[in-house]
C-alpha atoms as a PDB file:
ATOM      1  CA  UNK A   1       6.679  -2.338  28.186  1.00  0.00           C
ATOM      2  CA  UNK A   2       4.948  -2.467  25.002  1.00  0.00           C
ATOM      3  CA  UNK A   3       6.725  -0.900  22.138  1.00  0.00           C
ATOM      4  CA  UNK A   4       4.512   1.148  19.586  1.00  0.00           C
ATOM      5  CA  UNK A   5       5.825  -1.654  16.862  1.00  0.00           C
ATOM      6  CA  UNK A   6       3.221  -3.898  18.642  1.00  0.00           C
ATOM      7  CA  UNK A   7       0.422  -1.905  17.620  1.00  0.00           C
ATOM      8  CA  UNK A   8       1.829  -2.035  14.119  1.00  0.00           C
ATOM      9  CA  UNK A   9       1.649  -6.058  14.188  1.00  0.00           C
ATOM     10  CA  UNK A  10      -1.429  -6.592  16.051  1.00  0.00           C
ATOM     11  CA  UNK A  11      -3.714  -3.509  14.052  1.00  0.00           C
ATOM     12  CA  UNK A  12      -2.373  -1.851  11.470  1.00  0.00           C
ATOM     13  CA  UNK A  13      -1.056  -4.464   9.446  1.00  0.00           C
ATOM     14  CA  UNK A  14      -3.715  -6.247   9.772  1.00  0.00           C
ATOM     15  CA  UNK A  15      -5.865  -3.451   8.999  1.00  0.00           C
ATOM     16  CA  UNK A  16      -3.963  -2.152   5.854  1.00  0.00           C
ATOM     17  CA  UNK A  17      -4.417  -5.977   4.418  1.00  0.00           C
ATOM     18  CA  UNK A  18      -8.045  -6.209   5.293  1.00  0.00           C
ATOM     19  CA  UNK A  19      -8.610  -3.089   2.985  1.00  0.00           C
ATOM     20  CA  UNK A  20      -6.194  -4.340  -0.080  1.00  0.00           C
ATOM     21  CA  UNK A  21      -7.972  -7.781  -0.287  1.00  0.00           C
ATOM     22  CA  UNK A  22     -11.313  -5.776   0.142  1.00  0.00           C
ATOM     23  CA  UNK A  23      -9.840  -3.634  -2.932  1.00  0.00           C
ATOM     24  CA  UNK A  24      -8.634  -6.119  -4.901  1.00  0.00           C
ATOM     25  CA  UNK A  25     -11.583  -8.474  -4.508  1.00  0.00           C
ATOM     26  CA  UNK A  26     -14.044  -5.337  -5.553  1.00  0.00           C
ATOM     27  CA  UNK A  27     -11.671  -5.015  -8.612  1.00  0.00           C
ATOM     28  CA  UNK A  28     -12.316  -8.767  -9.443  1.00  0.00           C
ATOM     29  CA  UNK A  29      -9.558 -10.692  -8.397  1.00  0.00           C
ATOM     30  CA  UNK A  30     -10.423 -14.418  -7.062  1.00  0.00           C
ATOM     31  CA  UNK A  31      -9.512 -14.422  -3.151  1.00  0.00           C
ATOM     32  CA  UNK A  32      -6.642 -17.034  -4.280  1.00  0.00           C
ATOM     33  CA  UNK A  33      -4.986 -14.706  -6.602  1.00  0.00           C
ATOM     34  CA  UNK A  34      -5.038 -11.786  -3.888  1.00  0.00           C
ATOM     35  CA  UNK A  35      -3.562 -14.268  -1.555  1.00  0.00           C
ATOM     36  CA  UNK A  36      -0.598 -14.892  -4.066  1.00  0.00           C
ATOM     37  CA  UNK A  37      -0.023 -11.187  -4.310  1.00  0.00           C
ATOM     38  CA  UNK A  38      -0.245 -10.192  -0.438  1.00  0.00           C
ATOM     39  CA  UNK A  39       1.720 -13.826   0.453  1.00  0.00           C
ATOM     40  CA  UNK A  40      -0.795 -15.117   2.810  1.00  0.00           C
ATOM     41  CA  UNK A  41      -3.351 -18.027   2.792  1.00  0.00           C
ATOM     42  CA  UNK A  42      -6.397 -18.180   0.928  1.00  0.00           C
ATOM     43  CA  UNK A  43      -8.175 -18.573   4.691  1.00  0.00           C
ATOM     44  CA  UNK A  44      -6.211 -15.704   6.079  1.00  0.00           C
ATOM     45  CA  UNK A  45      -7.734 -13.485   2.952  1.00  0.00           C
ATOM     46  CA  UNK A  46     -11.278 -14.571   3.576  1.00  0.00           C
ATOM     47  CA  UNK A  47     -11.469 -13.372   7.217  1.00  0.00           C
ATOM     48  CA  UNK A  48      -9.694 -10.201   5.621  1.00  0.00           C
ATOM     49  CA  UNK A  49     -12.067  -9.911   3.480  1.00  0.00           C
ATOM     50  CA  UNK A  50     -15.066 -10.838   5.721  1.00  0.00           C
ATOM     51  CA  UNK A  51     -13.706  -8.214   8.658  1.00  0.00           C
ATOM     52  CA  UNK A  52     -12.964 -11.388  11.119  1.00  0.00           C
ATOM     53  CA  UNK A  53      -9.928  -9.555  11.195  1.00  0.00           C
ATOM     54  CA  UNK A  54      -8.234  -6.096  10.492  1.00  0.00           C
ATOM     55  CA  UNK A  55     -11.472  -4.316  11.339  1.00  0.00           C
ATOM     56  CA  UNK A  56      -9.869  -2.106  14.071  1.00  0.00           C
ATOM     57  CA  UNK A  57      -8.863   0.903  12.230  1.00  0.00           C
ATOM     58  CA  UNK A  58     -10.483   3.355  10.278  1.00  0.00           C
ATOM     59  CA  UNK A  59      -7.984   5.019   7.742  1.00  0.00           C
ATOM     60  CA  UNK A  60      -7.553   8.762   6.860  1.00  0.00           C
ATOM     61  CA  UNK A  61      -8.236   9.720   3.855  1.00  0.00           C
ATOM     62  CA  UNK A  62      -4.936  10.441   2.770  1.00  0.00           C
ATOM     63  CA  UNK A  63      -3.693   6.636   4.340  1.00  0.00           C
ATOM     64  CA  UNK A  64      -6.939   5.129   2.146  1.00  0.00           C
ATOM     65  CA  UNK A  65      -5.397   6.899  -0.935  1.00  0.00           C
ATOM     66  CA  UNK A  66      -2.207   5.138  -0.407  1.00  0.00           C
ATOM     67  CA  UNK A  67      -3.744   2.149   0.520  1.00  0.00           C
ATOM     68  CA  UNK A  68      -5.547   2.144  -2.788  1.00  0.00           C
ATOM     69  CA  UNK A  69      -2.530   2.936  -4.807  1.00  0.00           C
ATOM     70  CA  UNK A  70      -0.622   0.001  -3.385  1.00  0.00           C
ATOM     71  CA  UNK A  71      -3.642  -2.415  -4.330  1.00  0.00           C
ATOM     72  CA  UNK A  72      -3.430  -1.263  -7.837  1.00  0.00           C
ATOM     73  CA  UNK A  73      -0.026  -1.595  -7.841  1.00  0.00           C
ATOM     74  CA  UNK A  74      -0.606  -4.836  -6.860  1.00  0.00           C
ATOM     75  CA  UNK A  75      -3.100  -5.889  -9.705  1.00  0.00           C
ATOM     76  CA  UNK A  76      -0.144  -5.279 -11.741  1.00  0.00           C
ATOM     77  CA  UNK A  77       3.459  -6.816 -11.693  1.00  0.00           C
ATOM     78  CA  UNK A  78       4.520  -5.181  -8.747  1.00  0.00           C
ATOM     79  CA  UNK A  79       7.804  -7.271  -7.399  1.00  0.00           C
ATOM     80  CA  UNK A  80       8.429  -8.503  -4.060  1.00  0.00           C
ATOM     81  CA  UNK A  81      10.537  -5.643  -3.033  1.00  0.00           C
ATOM     82  CA  UNK A  82       8.641  -2.521  -4.017  1.00  0.00           C
ATOM     83  CA  UNK A  83       5.762  -4.316  -2.300  1.00  0.00           C
ATOM     84  CA  UNK A  84       7.562  -4.213   0.780  1.00  0.00           C
ATOM     85  CA  UNK A  85       8.438  -1.067   0.395  1.00  0.00           C
ATOM     86  CA  UNK A  86       5.091   0.401  -0.565  1.00  0.00           C
ATOM     87  CA  UNK A  87       3.749  -1.321   2.751  1.00  0.00           C
ATOM     88  CA  UNK A  88       6.426   0.074   4.394  1.00  0.00           C
ATOM     89  CA  UNK A  89       5.728   3.878   3.329  1.00  0.00           C
ATOM     90  CA  UNK A  90       1.785   3.333   4.310  1.00  0.00           C
ATOM     91  CA  UNK A  91       2.958   2.173   7.810  1.00  0.00           C
ATOM     92  CA  UNK A  92       5.352   5.117   8.477  1.00  0.00           C
ATOM     93  CA  UNK A  93       2.371   7.549   6.779  1.00  0.00           C
ATOM     94  CA  UNK A  94       0.454   6.415   9.906  1.00  0.00           C
ATOM     95  CA  UNK A  95       3.235   6.646  12.317  1.00  0.00           C
ATOM     96  CA  UNK A  96       3.731  10.237  10.652  1.00  0.00           C
ATOM     97  CA  UNK A  97       0.143  11.416  11.302  1.00  0.00           C
ATOM     98  CA  UNK A  98       0.722  10.804  15.015  1.00  0.00           C
ATOM     99  CA  UNK A  99      -1.972   7.810  15.028  1.00  0.00           C
ATOM    100  CA  UNK A 100       0.484   5.282  16.492  1.00  0.00           C
ATOM    101  CA  UNK A 101       1.721   7.440  19.159  1.00  0.00           C
ATOM    102  CA  UNK A 102      -2.057   8.196  20.093  1.00  0.00           C
ATOM    103  CA  UNK A 103      -2.976   4.796  20.075  1.00  0.00           C
ATOM    104  CA  UNK A 104       0.300   3.931  22.190  1.00  0.00           C
ATOM    105  CA  UNK A 105      -0.238   6.239  24.851  1.00  0.00           C
ATOM    106  CA  UNK A 106      -4.191   4.462  25.363  1.00  0.00           C
ATOM    107  CA  UNK A 107      -2.079   1.419  26.039  1.00  0.00           C
ATOM    108  CA  UNK A 108       0.825   2.854  28.141  1.00  0.00           C
ATOM    109  CA  UNK A 109       0.005   6.727  29.224  1.00  0.00           C
ATOM    110  CA  UNK A 110       3.379   6.785  30.975  1.00  0.00           C
ATOM    111  CA  UNK A 111       5.687   6.224  27.683  1.00  0.00           C
ATOM    112  CA  UNK A 112       7.159   9.682  25.938  1.00  0.00           C
ATOM    113  CA  UNK A 113       9.161   7.950  23.027  1.00  0.00           C
ATOM    114  CA  UNK A 114       6.964   9.387  20.723  1.00  0.00           C
ATOM    115  CA  UNK A 115       7.177  12.823  21.770  1.00  0.00           C
ATOM    116  CA  UNK A 116      11.253  12.717  22.180  1.00  0.00           C
ATOM    117  CA  UNK A 117      11.142  12.925  18.222  1.00  0.00           C
END
Protein backbone atom coordinates (compact mmCIF):
# COMPACT_ATOMS: atom_id res chain seq x y z
CA UNK A 1 0.00 0.00 0.00
CA UNK A 2 1.37 3.38 -1.00
CA UNK A 3 -0.01 6.28 1.02
CA UNK A 4 -1.05 9.56 -0.65
CA UNK A 5 1.84 11.36 1.02
CA UNK A 6 4.22 9.54 -1.35
CA UNK A 7 2.60 11.44 -4.21
CA UNK A 8 3.25 14.68 -2.35
CA UNK A 9 6.94 13.83 -1.98
CA UNK A 10 7.39 12.47 -5.51
CA UNK A 11 5.25 14.90 -7.51
CA UNK A 12 3.70 17.78 -5.59
CA UNK A 13 6.72 19.20 -3.75
CA UNK A 14 8.99 19.05 -6.82
CA UNK A 15 6.30 20.76 -8.90
CA UNK A 16 5.86 23.52 -6.31
CA UNK A 17 9.62 24.02 -6.09
CA UNK A 18 9.88 24.15 -9.87
CA UNK A 19 7.16 26.77 -10.08
CA UNK A 20 8.72 28.82 -7.28
CA UNK A 21 12.14 28.66 -8.95
CA UNK A 22 10.74 29.74 -12.32
CA UNK A 23 8.76 32.60 -10.78
CA UNK A 24 11.75 33.85 -8.80
CA UNK A 25 14.01 33.57 -11.84
CA UNK A 26 11.47 35.63 -13.82
CA UNK A 27 11.74 38.28 -11.10
CA UNK A 28 15.49 38.48 -11.68
CA UNK A 29 16.82 36.34 -8.85
CA UNK A 30 20.05 34.46 -9.66
CA UNK A 31 19.85 30.69 -9.32
CA UNK A 32 22.19 30.64 -6.33
CA UNK A 33 19.98 33.06 -4.41
CA UNK A 34 16.90 30.99 -5.32
CA UNK A 35 18.71 27.89 -4.08
CA UNK A 36 19.55 29.61 -0.80
CA UNK A 37 15.98 30.79 -0.26
CA UNK A 38 14.50 27.35 -1.04
CA UNK A 39 17.16 25.37 0.83
CA UNK A 40 18.26 23.58 -2.34
CA UNK A 41 21.44 23.21 -4.32
CA UNK A 42 22.04 25.43 -7.33
CA UNK A 43 22.03 22.26 -9.48
CA UNK A 44 18.55 21.36 -8.21
CA UNK A 45 17.28 24.84 -9.05
CA UNK A 46 18.77 24.50 -12.53
CA UNK A 47 16.90 21.22 -13.03
CA UNK A 48 13.64 22.73 -11.79
CA UNK A 49 13.99 25.76 -14.06
CA UNK A 50 14.82 23.61 -17.10
CA UNK A 51 11.85 21.27 -16.36
CA UNK A 52 14.04 18.23 -15.74
CA UNK A 53 12.32 17.99 -12.33
CA UNK A 54 8.87 18.93 -11.16
CA UNK A 55 7.13 19.03 -14.52
CA UNK A 56 4.39 16.45 -13.86
CA UNK A 57 1.65 18.70 -12.47
CA UNK A 58 -0.42 21.53 -13.86
CA UNK A 59 -1.77 23.59 -11.00
CA UNK A 60 -5.20 25.18 -10.69
CA UNK A 61 -5.36 28.96 -10.87
CA UNK A 62 -5.98 29.12 -7.10
CA UNK A 63 -2.87 27.04 -6.40
CA UNK A 64 -0.84 29.09 -8.90
CA UNK A 65 -1.85 32.22 -7.02
CA UNK A 66 -0.82 30.73 -3.65
CA UNK A 67 2.55 29.76 -5.15
CA UNK A 68 2.95 33.24 -6.63
CA UNK A 69 2.27 34.78 -3.20
CA UNK A 70 4.85 32.44 -1.65
CA UNK A 71 7.39 33.41 -4.32
CA UNK A 72 6.82 37.09 -3.54
CA UNK A 73 7.24 36.40 0.17
CA UNK A 74 10.45 34.47 -0.49
CA UNK A 75 11.73 37.48 -2.41
CA UNK A 76 11.43 39.43 0.84
CA UNK A 77 12.58 38.41 4.28
CA UNK A 78 10.33 35.43 4.95
CA UNK A 79 11.79 33.40 7.81
CA UNK A 80 12.21 29.61 7.70
CA UNK A 81 9.16 28.85 9.86
CA UNK A 82 6.88 31.04 7.76
CA UNK A 83 8.29 29.49 4.58
CA UNK A 84 7.45 26.00 5.80
CA UNK A 85 4.01 27.13 6.93
CA UNK A 86 3.28 28.73 3.55
CA UNK A 87 4.53 25.69 1.65
CA UNK A 88 2.36 23.41 3.81
CA UNK A 89 -0.61 25.68 3.11
CA UNK A 90 -0.14 25.19 -0.63
CA UNK A 91 0.04 21.40 -0.18
CA UNK A 92 -3.06 21.39 2.03
CA UNK A 93 -4.90 23.37 -0.62
CA UNK A 94 -3.99 20.77 -3.21
CA UNK A 95 -5.21 18.03 -0.91
CA UNK A 96 -8.44 19.88 -0.13
CA UNK A 97 -9.13 20.33 -3.86
CA UNK A 98 -9.42 16.57 -4.28
CA UNK A 99 -6.52 16.37 -6.75
CA UNK A 100 -4.37 14.25 -4.44
CA UNK A 101 -7.13 11.70 -3.85
CA UNK A 102 -7.81 11.40 -7.60
CA UNK A 103 -4.12 10.90 -8.29
CA UNK A 104 -3.86 8.32 -5.52
CA UNK A 105 -6.88 6.40 -6.81
CA UNK A 106 -5.18 6.14 -10.22
CA UNK A 107 -2.24 4.45 -8.52
CA UNK A 108 -4.28 2.32 -6.12
CA UNK A 109 -7.90 1.84 -7.14
CA UNK A 110 -8.79 -0.13 -4.01
CA UNK A 111 -7.99 2.71 -1.57
CA UNK A 112 -10.88 4.45 0.15
CA UNK A 113 -8.87 6.46 2.69
CA UNK A 114 -9.67 9.87 1.22
CA UNK A 115 -13.32 8.95 0.77
CA UNK A 116 -13.69 8.35 4.53
CA UNK A 117 -12.98 11.96 5.41
